[in-house]
Amino acid sequence: MNSAYDVIIRPVVSERSFDLIEQGKYTFEVAKSAPKEEIASAVEKLFGVHVVKVNTINVSGKKKRVRYQTPGTTRSWKKAVVTLAPGETIEIFGSQQAAE
């Protein structure tokens, strides 16, 4: 990969990902070909934090019906759960700790 922006596509917004933030774990959609070492260095470069651990999951596309009964699938993608060093945070969606 050329840049950290090519590795990290977007943060994942879900209830589970917000619950993991309290444990210092952040969830991102990443490039399918990105290995764990590249994901860790991209997060460290973009957000200025220290990454302790990276877990990756290949999310397969779900079967859906498109227009009446034509079969189709949603896209498949790769998810990474990044654990940061204790005491470090990433301000992805503004100050969410202040809202709690």
Protein backbone atom coordinates (compact mmCIF):
# COMPACT_ATOMS: atom_id res chain seq x y z
CA MET A 1 0.00 0.00 0.00
CA ASN A 2 1.15 3.51 -0.74
CA SER A 3 -0.37 5.57 2.04
CA ALA A 4 -2.03 5.16 5.43
CA TYR A 5 -5.20 6.55 3.84
CA ASP A 6 -5.22 3.58 1.42
CA VAL A 7 -5.10 1.13 4.35
CA ILE A 8 -7.69 2.69 6.69
CA ILE A 9 -10.93 3.21 4.75
CA ARG A 10 -13.35 4.34 7.48
CA PRO A 11 -14.29 3.79 11.13
CA VAL A 12 -17.10 1.31 11.76
CA VAL A 13 -20.15 2.89 13.41
CA SER A 14 -22.15 0.38 15.44
CA GLU A 15 -23.29 -0.20 19.01
CA ARG A 16 -20.70 -2.91 19.52
CA SER A 17 -17.85 -0.73 18.24
CA PHE A 18 -18.87 2.07 20.61
CA ASP A 19 -18.94 -0.39 23.53
CA LEU A 20 -15.40 -1.55 22.62
CA ILE A 21 -14.11 2.04 22.76
CA GLU A 22 -14.45 1.92 26.56
CA GLN A 23 -11.92 -0.97 26.52
CA GLY A 24 -9.50 0.97 24.29
CA LYS A 25 -10.45 -0.96 21.13
CA TYR A 26 -11.33 0.86 17.91
CA THR A 27 -12.93 -0.71 14.83
CA PHE A 28 -12.06 0.25 11.25
CA GLU A 29 -12.87 -0.93 7.75
CA VAL A 30 -9.52 -1.62 6.08
CA ALA A 31 -8.21 -2.66 2.68
CA LYS A 32 -8.66 -6.37 1.99
CA SER A 33 -4.98 -6.87 1.14
CA ALA A 34 -3.62 -5.03 4.22
CA PRO A 35 -1.72 -7.20 6.76
CA LYS A 36 -1.88 -6.55 10.50
CA GLU A 37 1.53 -4.83 10.63
CA GLU A 38 0.48 -2.35 7.95
CA ILE A 39 -2.81 -1.63 9.73
CA ALA A 40 -0.99 -0.96 13.01
CA SER A 41 1.51 1.42 11.41
CA ALA A 42 -1.28 3.26 9.54
CA VAL A 43 -3.27 3.83 12.75
CA GLU A 44 -0.14 5.00 14.57
CA LYS A 45 0.71 7.39 11.74
CA LEU A 46 -2.79 8.83 11.29
CA PHE A 47 -3.79 9.25 14.93
CA GLY A 48 -0.46 9.50 16.80
CA VAL A 49 -1.11 6.60 19.20
CA HIS A 50 0.63 3.32 20.11
CA VAL A 51 -1.03 0.13 18.89
CA VAL A 52 -0.73 -2.94 21.13
CA LYS A 53 -2.76 -5.48 19.13
CA VAL A 54 -4.66 -5.84 15.84
CA ASN A 55 -7.40 -8.41 15.17
CA THR A 56 -8.79 -8.74 11.65
CA ILE A 57 -12.03 -10.26 10.39
CA ASN A 58 -13.08 -10.90 6.78
CA VAL A 59 -16.77 -10.00 6.61
CA SER A 60 -18.52 -11.86 3.80
CA GLY A 61 -21.36 -10.29 1.82
CA LYS A 62 -24.93 -11.15 2.73
CA LYS A 63 -27.41 -12.55 0.22
CA LYS A 64 -30.11 -10.03 -0.67
CA ARG A 65 -32.90 -9.84 -3.20
CA VAL A 66 -32.58 -7.01 -5.67
CA ARG A 67 -35.74 -5.85 -7.47
CA TYR A 68 -38.39 -8.47 -7.09
CA GLN A 69 -36.59 -11.81 -6.98
CA THR A 70 -33.23 -11.26 -8.65
CA PRO A 71 -30.56 -12.67 -6.30
CA GLY A 72 -27.61 -10.51 -5.32
CA THR A 73 -25.12 -10.00 -2.50
CA THR A 74 -23.80 -7.06 -0.53
CA ARG A 75 -20.10 -6.38 -0.78
CA SER A 76 -17.56 -8.26 1.32
CA TRP A 77 -15.00 -6.28 3.32
CA LYS A 78 -12.29 -6.54 5.96
CA LYS A 79 -12.70 -5.27 9.52
CA ALA A 80 -9.86 -4.54 11.96
CA VAL A 81 -10.22 -4.14 15.74
CA VAL A 82 -7.23 -2.15 16.99
CA THR A 83 -6.26 -2.20 20.68
CA LEU A 84 -4.39 0.87 21.91
CA ALA A 85 -1.93 1.25 24.75
CA PRO A 86 -3.58 1.99 28.13
CA GLY A 87 -4.55 5.63 28.59
CA GLU A 88 -4.58 6.49 24.87
CA THR A 89 -7.69 7.43 22.89
CA ILE A 90 -8.66 8.39 19.34
CA GLU A 91 -11.11 11.23 18.86
CA ILE A 92 -13.03 9.78 15.90
CA PHE A 93 -16.45 11.34 16.40
CA GLY A 94 -15.57 14.42 18.43
CA SER A 95 -15.59 14.32 22.22
CA GLN A 96 -17.81 11.31 22.93
CA GLN A 97 -16.50 10.89 26.49
CA ALA A 98 -17.74 14.40 27.33
CA ALA A 99 -21.27 13.45 26.23
CA GLU A 100 -21.44 10.46 28.60
